[in-house]
Amino acid sequence: LTPPPAPPATPPTPANAIFRIQPQMTKHEVKEYLTKIYNLPVVHVRTQNYLGKRMKIIGKRKIAYAKRPDYKKAFVTFDGTLADTGMGSQVDGLPGQQQEEEGEEQQQQIEA
């Protein structure tokens, strides 16, 4: 499951998430996966199938045709108990974000 960005949750609308999944996965499998492994309160799952982009690669002597793989997107709606934490795409424990935070703290100390 690959999560691209989704709109934030507000009090009248529940939290949503969009995942890029394997084309073989069904709605029931996505719901079961998220509830059993991550303990998320999933209410509804919608899916959309996408065809891979077709490309023409032109060489000196011949033309080759290629196609990117097909994929499926799952649009998941969560229960109202799941609140937006306001973190956006930041997740605790990632090494790149720790370095950015340390750099910001050093800049604040220099300015003060």
Protein backbone atom coordinates (compact mmCIF):
# COMPACT_ATOMS: atom_id res chain seq x y z
CA LEU A 1 0.00 0.00 0.00
CA THR A 2 1.40 3.34 -1.02
CA PRO A 3 -0.35 6.41 0.42
CA PRO A 4 -0.35 9.56 -1.69
CA PRO A 5 -1.54 12.81 -0.05
CA ALA A 6 -5.22 13.06 0.92
CA PRO A 7 -7.36 16.00 2.11
CA PRO A 8 -7.34 16.65 5.87
CA ALA A 9 -10.26 15.68 8.08
CA THR A 10 -12.64 18.33 9.39
CA PRO A 11 -15.39 17.94 12.00
CA PRO A 12 -18.27 17.44 9.48
CA THR A 13 -16.26 15.17 7.14
CA PRO A 14 -14.47 11.99 8.23
CA ALA A 15 -10.81 11.29 7.55
CA ASN A 16 -9.97 9.87 4.13
CA ALA A 17 -6.89 8.21 2.67
CA ILE A 18 -5.86 7.16 -0.83
CA PHE A 19 -3.69 4.09 -1.33
CA ARG A 20 -2.10 2.68 -4.46
CA ILE A 21 -2.61 -1.08 -4.28
CA GLN A 22 -2.02 -4.18 -6.38
CA PRO A 23 -4.69 -4.74 -9.07
CA GLN A 24 -5.53 -8.17 -7.61
CA MET A 25 -6.59 -6.78 -4.21
CA THR A 26 -10.32 -6.44 -3.48
CA LYS A 27 -12.17 -3.94 -1.30
CA HIS A 28 -12.64 -6.55 1.42
CA GLU A 29 -8.93 -7.39 1.46
CA VAL A 30 -7.99 -3.71 1.80
CA LYS A 31 -10.44 -3.23 4.68
CA GLU A 32 -9.26 -6.39 6.43
CA TYR A 33 -5.60 -5.44 5.96
CA LEU A 34 -6.04 -1.95 7.46
CA THR A 35 -8.20 -3.09 10.39
CA LYS A 36 -6.18 -6.16 11.42
CA ILE A 37 -2.63 -4.89 10.92
CA TYR A 38 -2.96 -1.15 11.68
CA ASN A 39 -6.13 -1.21 13.86
CA LEU A 40 -7.75 1.55 11.78
CA PRO A 41 -11.55 2.06 11.93
CA VAL A 42 -12.38 1.62 8.22
CA VAL A 43 -15.98 2.44 7.24
CA HIS A 44 -15.97 2.36 3.45
CA VAL A 45 -13.58 1.43 0.61
CA ARG A 46 -13.88 2.47 -3.04
CA THR A 47 -11.51 1.29 -5.77
CA GLN A 48 -10.56 2.46 -9.26
CA ASN A 49 -8.53 0.59 -11.87
CA TYR A 50 -5.95 2.43 -13.96
CA LEU A 51 -4.24 1.27 -17.13
CA GLY A 52 -0.50 1.80 -17.42
CA LYS A 53 0.76 4.48 -19.77
CA ARG A 54 1.76 3.27 -23.24
CA MET A 55 5.02 4.61 -24.64
CA LYS A 56 6.78 4.57 -28.00
CA ILE A 57 10.57 4.51 -27.79
CA ILE A 58 12.14 5.65 -31.06
CA GLY A 59 15.66 4.39 -31.76
CA LYS A 60 17.97 4.79 -34.74
CA ARG A 61 16.93 1.55 -36.44
CA LYS A 62 13.60 0.53 -34.98
CA ILE A 63 10.68 1.64 -32.86
CA ALA A 64 10.05 -0.19 -29.57
CA TYR A 65 6.73 -0.13 -27.74
CA ALA A 66 6.51 -0.30 -23.96
CA LYS A 67 3.83 -0.08 -21.29
CA ARG A 68 3.99 0.81 -17.63
CA PRO A 69 2.26 -1.62 -15.24
CA ASP A 70 -1.46 -1.32 -14.45
CA TYR A 71 -2.42 -0.29 -10.92
CA LYS A 72 -5.42 0.23 -8.68
CA LYS A 73 -6.26 3.00 -6.20
CA ALA A 74 -8.23 2.45 -3.00
CA PHE A 75 -10.12 5.41 -1.49
CA VAL A 76 -10.66 4.63 2.20
CA THR A 77 -13.08 6.45 4.52
CA PHE A 78 -12.41 6.12 8.23
CA ASP A 79 -14.70 6.31 11.24
CA GLY A 80 -15.39 9.67 12.91
CA THR A 81 -13.24 8.63 15.88
CA LEU A 82 -10.09 8.92 13.78
CA ALA A 83 -9.01 12.57 14.04
CA ASP A 84 -6.59 14.51 11.90
CA THR A 85 -3.38 15.03 13.88
CA GLY A 86 -2.30 17.99 11.77
CA MET A 87 1.05 16.35 10.97
CA GLY A 88 0.43 16.18 7.24
CA SER A 89 3.08 14.07 5.56
CA GLN A 90 5.44 14.19 8.56
CA VAL A 91 5.87 10.94 10.43
CA ASP A 92 7.85 10.60 13.66
CA GLY A 93 11.05 8.59 13.49
CA LEU A 94 12.12 9.26 9.91
CA PRO A 95 15.84 10.13 9.68
CA GLY A 96 15.50 12.97 7.14
CA GLN A 97 12.96 14.84 9.25
CA GLN A 98 15.14 14.70 12.36
CA GLN A 99 17.96 16.46 10.54
CA GLU A 100 15.60 19.18 9.29
CA GLU A 101 14.23 19.75 12.82
CA GLU A 102 17.76 20.02 14.26
CA GLY A 103 18.67 22.55 11.56
CA GLU A 104 15.61 24.66 12.38
CA GLU A 105 16.45 24.58 16.12
CA GLN A 106 20.01 25.73 15.39
CA GLN A 107 18.73 28.61 13.25
CA GLN A 108 16.38 29.69 16.05
CA GLN A 109 19.27 29.65 18.55
CA ILE A 110 21.43 31.74 16.20
CA GLU A 111 18.67 34.30 15.71
CA ALA A 112 18.05 34.60 19.47
